[in-house]
Each structure stands twice: as C-alpha cells, then as structure tokens.
Amino acid sequence: MQKEAVQIKKYAKGLIIPMCIEGKQLTSPELSEKISSAGINGFSTVTFIIGSSYGLAPEIKKTGQIKLSMSKMTFPHQLARVMLLEQIYRSFQIAEGGKYHK
C-alpha cells in the first residue's frame, strides 16, 4: 500500500475523494452537490481514488477532503470503477436538471 500511496500522491489533485469502506455513503443528489460545489470551494479538479484490493494507505485517506463509500457491501475493483463512473455521470445529469437520474 505504501508503494501505491507514493504513486497516488503524484496524481491526486484538487478535491480528493478516497473511496473507502469507512467513508460516508451519499445519495446521488448529495454527490452531485459535492461535485458541483467543488469549483465554488476553490477546486479546479476532483480526484476519486480507488485503492487496490488491500485498500488505501492511511495517509491517502487523510489527504481526502471527503471519504466516500459506495456501499457496506464489497465489490470487485473493476465493477467499482464502472459504478463510480456511472454515479459521476449521473451527478452531472442531476446538476444540469436532466432526467437520467430518475
């Protein structure tokens, strides 16, 4: 996890959101609000971090402004990426007043 943390630190910028089991679970509208308000709060980018199957190093979790959990259930990392991407897309649709999220 330490080697992974070194690499993650090189790329993590802006609003950093580590995905971890102890993170907060948000509804789709709540996630949309967090992403939408990032610019207002001075962030030009949003970085979601999904760790390895061993999780994330504590130092990476501490760098996050928001810790986020998708569920109390466990998902394969490949599926977690797709689920997160879909939620990000849904967040933009919600922010734009689209109907996709219904």
N, C-alpha and C. Protein backbone atom coordinates (compact mmCIF):
# COMPACT_ATOMS: atom_id res chain seq x y z
N MET A 1 0.82 -1.20 0.00
CA MET A 1 0.00 0.00 0.00
C MET A 1 0.86 1.26 0.00
N GLN A 2 2.04 1.17 0.60
CA GLN A 2 2.92 2.34 0.64
C GLN A 2 3.43 2.71 -0.75
N LYS A 3 3.81 1.71 -1.54
CA LYS A 3 4.26 1.99 -2.91
C LYS A 3 3.13 2.62 -3.72
N GLU A 4 1.95 2.09 -3.53
CA GLU A 4 0.78 2.63 -4.21
C GLU A 4 0.53 4.07 -3.77
N ALA A 5 0.69 4.35 -2.49
CA ALA A 5 0.47 5.70 -1.96
C ALA A 5 1.41 6.71 -2.60
N VAL A 6 2.65 6.32 -2.81
CA VAL A 6 3.62 7.22 -3.45
C VAL A 6 3.15 7.59 -4.85
N GLN A 7 2.67 6.61 -5.59
CA GLN A 7 2.18 6.86 -6.95
C GLN A 7 0.91 7.71 -6.94
N ILE A 8 0.02 7.41 -6.02
CA ILE A 8 -1.24 8.16 -5.94
C ILE A 8 -0.97 9.63 -5.66
N LYS A 9 -0.04 9.91 -4.75
CA LYS A 9 0.27 11.31 -4.39
C LYS A 9 0.73 12.12 -5.60
N LYS A 10 1.36 11.47 -6.56
CA LYS A 10 1.83 12.18 -7.76
C LYS A 10 0.67 12.74 -8.59
N TYR A 11 -0.47 12.07 -8.54
CA TYR A 11 -1.58 12.42 -9.43
C TYR A 11 -2.80 13.01 -8.74
N ALA A 12 -2.88 12.88 -7.44
CA ALA A 12 -4.06 13.37 -6.72
C ALA A 12 -4.01 14.89 -6.61
N LYS A 13 -5.04 15.54 -7.18
CA LYS A 13 -5.11 17.00 -7.17
C LYS A 13 -6.53 17.43 -6.86
N GLY A 14 -6.66 18.68 -6.48
CA GLY A 14 -7.97 19.26 -6.30
C GLY A 14 -8.72 18.68 -5.12
N LEU A 15 -10.02 18.51 -5.31
CA LEU A 15 -10.86 17.88 -4.30
C LEU A 15 -10.58 16.38 -4.36
N ILE A 16 -9.96 15.86 -3.32
CA ILE A 16 -9.55 14.45 -3.30
C ILE A 16 -10.60 13.65 -2.52
N ILE A 17 -11.11 12.62 -3.18
CA ILE A 17 -12.15 11.79 -2.58
C ILE A 17 -11.69 10.33 -2.58
N PRO A 18 -11.10 9.88 -1.48
CA PRO A 18 -10.74 8.46 -1.38
C PRO A 18 -12.00 7.61 -1.22
N MET A 19 -12.04 6.52 -1.94
CA MET A 19 -13.14 5.57 -1.81
C MET A 19 -12.72 4.53 -0.79
N CYS A 20 -13.41 4.49 0.34
CA CYS A 20 -13.03 3.54 1.39
C CYS A 20 -14.26 3.13 2.19
N ILE A 21 -14.20 1.97 2.77
CA ILE A 21 -15.33 1.38 3.48
C ILE A 21 -15.82 2.26 4.63
N GLU A 22 -14.90 2.98 5.26
CA GLU A 22 -15.31 3.82 6.39
C GLU A 22 -15.79 5.20 5.95
N GLY A 23 -15.84 5.42 4.64
CA GLY A 23 -16.30 6.69 4.13
C GLY A 23 -17.80 6.86 4.27
N LYS A 24 -18.26 8.04 3.95
CA LYS A 24 -19.68 8.37 4.05
C LYS A 24 -20.41 7.89 2.81
N GLN A 25 -21.60 7.38 3.00
CA GLN A 25 -22.45 7.00 1.87
C GLN A 25 -23.35 8.17 1.54
N LEU A 26 -23.34 8.59 0.28
CA LEU A 26 -24.14 9.72 -0.17
C LEU A 26 -25.20 9.25 -1.17
N THR A 27 -26.28 9.99 -1.24
CA THR A 27 -27.25 9.76 -2.30
C THR A 27 -26.70 10.37 -3.59
N SER A 28 -27.29 10.03 -4.72
CA SER A 28 -26.84 10.62 -5.98
C SER A 28 -26.96 12.14 -5.97
N PRO A 29 -28.08 12.71 -5.50
CA PRO A 29 -28.14 14.18 -5.43
C PRO A 29 -27.09 14.79 -4.49
N GLU A 30 -26.78 14.11 -3.40
CA GLU A 30 -25.75 14.63 -2.49
C GLU A 30 -24.38 14.62 -3.16
N LEU A 31 -24.07 13.55 -3.90
CA LEU A 31 -22.80 13.50 -4.61
C LEU A 31 -22.76 14.59 -5.68
N SER A 32 -23.85 14.79 -6.37
CA SER A 32 -23.92 15.84 -7.37
C SER A 32 -23.61 17.20 -6.76
N GLU A 33 -24.16 17.45 -5.59
CA GLU A 33 -23.92 18.73 -4.90
C GLU A 33 -22.44 18.88 -4.53
N LYS A 34 -21.83 17.81 -4.04
CA LYS A 34 -20.39 17.86 -3.67
C LYS A 34 -19.55 18.18 -4.90
N ILE A 35 -19.83 17.51 -6.01
CA ILE A 35 -19.05 17.74 -7.24
C ILE A 35 -19.31 19.15 -7.76
N SER A 36 -20.57 19.55 -7.79
CA SER A 36 -20.92 20.87 -8.30
C SER A 36 -20.32 22.00 -7.48
N SER A 37 -20.24 21.81 -6.18
CA SER A 37 -19.72 22.87 -5.32
C SER A 37 -18.19 22.89 -5.26
N ALA A 38 -17.53 21.93 -5.86
CA ALA A 38 -16.06 21.89 -5.82
C ALA A 38 -15.46 23.18 -6.38
N GLY A 39 -15.94 23.63 -7.52
CA GLY A 39 -15.41 24.86 -8.12
C GLY A 39 -15.65 26.08 -7.27
N ILE A 40 -16.81 26.14 -6.65
CA ILE A 40 -17.13 27.27 -5.78
C ILE A 40 -16.20 27.29 -4.57
N ASN A 41 -15.78 26.10 -4.15
CA ASN A 41 -14.89 25.99 -2.99
C ASN A 41 -13.41 26.05 -3.35
N GLY A 42 -13.10 26.43 -4.60
CA GLY A 42 -11.72 26.67 -4.99
C GLY A 42 -10.98 25.50 -5.63
N PHE A 43 -11.69 24.43 -5.96
CA PHE A 43 -11.05 23.27 -6.58
C PHE A 43 -11.31 23.28 -8.08
N SER A 44 -10.26 23.11 -8.87
CA SER A 44 -10.43 23.06 -10.32
C SER A 44 -10.56 21.62 -10.82
N THR A 45 -10.24 20.66 -9.98
CA THR A 45 -10.36 19.25 -10.34
C THR A 45 -10.93 18.45 -9.17
N VAL A 46 -11.46 17.30 -9.50
CA VAL A 46 -11.94 16.35 -8.50
C VAL A 46 -11.26 15.03 -8.79
N THR A 47 -10.63 14.44 -7.78
CA THR A 47 -9.92 13.17 -7.93
C THR A 47 -10.54 12.13 -7.01
N PHE A 48 -11.11 11.10 -7.62
CA PHE A 48 -11.62 9.96 -6.87
C PHE A 48 -10.51 8.92 -6.83
N ILE A 49 -10.27 8.32 -5.67
CA ILE A 49 -9.19 7.34 -5.54
C ILE A 49 -9.77 6.00 -5.11
N ILE A 50 -9.59 5.00 -5.96
CA ILE A 50 -9.96 3.62 -5.63
C ILE A 50 -8.65 2.88 -5.43
N GLY A 51 -8.45 2.32 -4.27
CA GLY A 51 -7.21 1.60 -3.98
C GLY A 51 -7.22 0.18 -4.51
N SER A 52 -6.22 -0.53 -4.14
CA SER A 52 -6.11 -1.93 -4.52
C SER A 52 -7.05 -2.77 -3.66
N SER A 53 -7.00 -4.07 -3.86
CA SER A 53 -7.86 -4.96 -3.06
C SER A 53 -7.46 -4.94 -1.58
N TYR A 54 -6.30 -4.37 -1.27
CA TYR A 54 -5.86 -4.24 0.12
C TYR A 54 -6.35 -2.94 0.75
N GLY A 55 -6.97 -2.09 -0.04
CA GLY A 55 -7.45 -0.81 0.47
C GLY A 55 -6.46 0.31 0.17
N LEU A 56 -6.63 1.41 0.87
CA LEU A 56 -5.77 2.58 0.70
C LEU A 56 -4.92 2.79 1.95
N ALA A 57 -3.72 3.30 1.74
CA ALA A 57 -2.85 3.65 2.86
C ALA A 57 -3.52 4.74 3.69
N PRO A 58 -3.37 4.70 5.01
CA PRO A 58 -3.97 5.72 5.87
C PRO A 58 -3.62 7.15 5.45
N GLU A 59 -2.40 7.36 4.98
CA GLU A 59 -2.01 8.72 4.59
C GLU A 59 -2.81 9.22 3.39
N ILE A 60 -3.22 8.33 2.51
CA ILE A 60 -4.05 8.73 1.37
C ILE A 60 -5.44 9.07 1.85
N LYS A 61 -5.96 8.27 2.75
CA LYS A 61 -7.28 8.56 3.30
C LYS A 61 -7.30 9.92 4.00
N LYS A 62 -6.21 10.25 4.69
CA LYS A 62 -6.13 11.52 5.41
C LYS A 62 -6.06 12.72 4.47
N THR A 63 -5.55 12.53 3.25
CA THR A 63 -5.44 13.66 2.32
C THR A 63 -6.77 14.03 1.72
N GLY A 64 -7.75 13.14 1.82
CA GLY A 64 -9.05 13.40 1.21
C GLY A 64 -9.87 14.42 1.99
N GLN A 65 -10.55 15.27 1.26
CA GLN A 65 -11.46 16.22 1.90
C GLN A 65 -12.79 15.54 2.24
N ILE A 66 -13.12 14.52 1.45
CA ILE A 66 -14.33 13.73 1.67
C ILE A 66 -13.93 12.27 1.50
N LYS A 67 -14.26 11.43 2.45
CA LYS A 67 -14.09 9.99 2.27
C LYS A 67 -15.45 9.45 1.86
N LEU A 68 -15.47 8.65 0.80
CA LEU A 68 -16.73 8.19 0.25
C LEU A 68 -16.77 6.67 0.20
N SER A 69 -17.91 6.11 0.55
CA SER A 69 -18.14 4.66 0.46
C SER A 69 -19.33 4.43 -0.47
N MET A 70 -19.19 3.50 -1.39
CA MET A 70 -20.32 3.18 -2.27
C MET A 70 -21.37 2.37 -1.55
N SER A 71 -20.91 1.51 -0.65
CA SER A 71 -21.83 0.59 0.00
C SER A 71 -21.09 -0.12 1.13
N LYS A 72 -21.84 -0.72 2.01
CA LYS A 72 -21.23 -1.57 3.02
C LYS A 72 -20.84 -2.92 2.42
N MET A 73 -21.35 -3.19 1.23
CA MET A 73 -21.01 -4.44 0.54
C MET A 73 -19.66 -4.31 -0.13
N THR A 74 -19.08 -5.42 -0.50
CA THR A 74 -17.79 -5.44 -1.18
C THR A 74 -18.01 -5.72 -2.66
N PHE A 75 -17.34 -4.95 -3.53
CA PHE A 75 -17.45 -5.14 -4.97
C PHE A 75 -16.06 -5.35 -5.57
N PRO A 76 -15.98 -6.07 -6.70
CA PRO A 76 -14.69 -6.16 -7.39
C PRO A 76 -14.28 -4.76 -7.86
N HIS A 77 -12.99 -4.51 -7.91
CA HIS A 77 -12.50 -3.18 -8.27
C HIS A 77 -12.95 -2.75 -9.66
N GLN A 78 -13.00 -3.69 -10.60
CA GLN A 78 -13.44 -3.35 -11.94
C GLN A 78 -14.89 -2.86 -11.92
N LEU A 79 -15.72 -3.50 -11.13
CA LEU A 79 -17.12 -3.09 -11.03
C LEU A 79 -17.23 -1.76 -10.28
N ALA A 80 -16.42 -1.56 -9.27
CA ALA A 80 -16.44 -0.30 -8.51
C ALA A 80 -16.13 0.87 -9.44
N ARG A 81 -15.20 0.69 -10.35
CA ARG A 81 -14.85 1.77 -11.30
C ARG A 81 -16.03 2.13 -12.17
N VAL A 82 -16.71 1.11 -12.68
CA VAL A 82 -17.87 1.35 -13.54
C VAL A 82 -18.99 2.01 -12.75
N MET A 83 -19.23 1.53 -11.55
CA MET A 83 -20.28 2.10 -10.71
C MET A 83 -19.98 3.56 -10.37
N LEU A 84 -18.73 3.86 -10.06
CA LEU A 84 -18.35 5.24 -9.74
C LEU A 84 -18.50 6.13 -10.97
N LEU A 85 -18.05 5.66 -12.12
CA LEU A 85 -18.18 6.43 -13.35
C LEU A 85 -19.64 6.74 -13.64
N GLU A 86 -20.51 5.75 -13.45
CA GLU A 86 -21.94 5.96 -13.68
C GLU A 86 -22.49 7.01 -12.72
N GLN A 87 -22.05 6.99 -11.47
CA GLN A 87 -22.51 7.96 -10.49
C GLN A 87 -22.00 9.37 -10.80
N ILE A 88 -20.80 9.46 -11.34
CA ILE A 88 -20.28 10.77 -11.74
C ILE A 88 -21.11 11.32 -12.89
N TYR A 89 -21.39 10.47 -13.87
CA TYR A 89 -22.25 10.88 -15.00
C TYR A 89 -23.62 11.31 -14.48
N ARG A 90 -24.19 10.52 -13.60
CA ARG A 90 -25.49 10.83 -13.01
C ARG A 90 -25.43 12.17 -12.27
N SER A 91 -24.33 12.44 -11.58
CA SER A 91 -24.16 13.71 -10.86
C SER A 91 -24.24 14.90 -11.80
N PHE A 92 -23.59 14.78 -12.95
CA PHE A 92 -23.66 15.87 -13.93
C PHE A 92 -25.06 16.02 -14.50
N GLN A 93 -25.75 14.92 -14.71
CA GLN A 93 -27.13 14.99 -15.20
C GLN A 93 -28.03 15.66 -14.18
N ILE A 94 -27.86 15.34 -12.93
CA ILE A 94 -28.64 15.97 -11.87
C ILE A 94 -28.37 17.47 -11.83
N ALA A 95 -27.09 17.84 -11.89
CA ALA A 95 -26.71 19.25 -11.83
C ALA A 95 -27.29 20.05 -12.99
N GLU A 96 -27.43 19.39 -14.14
CA GLU A 96 -27.97 20.06 -15.33
C GLU A 96 -29.49 19.98 -15.42
N GLY A 97 -30.11 19.33 -14.43
CA GLY A 97 -31.57 19.21 -14.46
C GLY A 97 -32.06 18.13 -15.41
N GLY A 98 -31.17 17.23 -15.81
CA GLY A 98 -31.54 16.15 -16.73
C GLY A 98 -32.44 15.13 -16.08
N LYS A 99 -32.97 14.22 -16.89
CA LYS A 99 -33.91 13.22 -16.39
C LYS A 99 -33.29 11.86 -16.22
N TYR A 100 -32.01 11.71 -16.54
CA TYR A 100 -31.35 10.40 -16.49
C TYR A 100 -31.41 9.79 -15.11
N HIS A 101 -31.26 10.59 -14.09
CA HIS A 101 -31.13 10.08 -12.73
C HIS A 101 -32.43 9.54 -12.13
N LYS A 102 -33.54 9.75 -12.78
CA LYS A 102 -34.83 9.32 -12.20
C LYS A 102 -35.09 7.86 -12.49
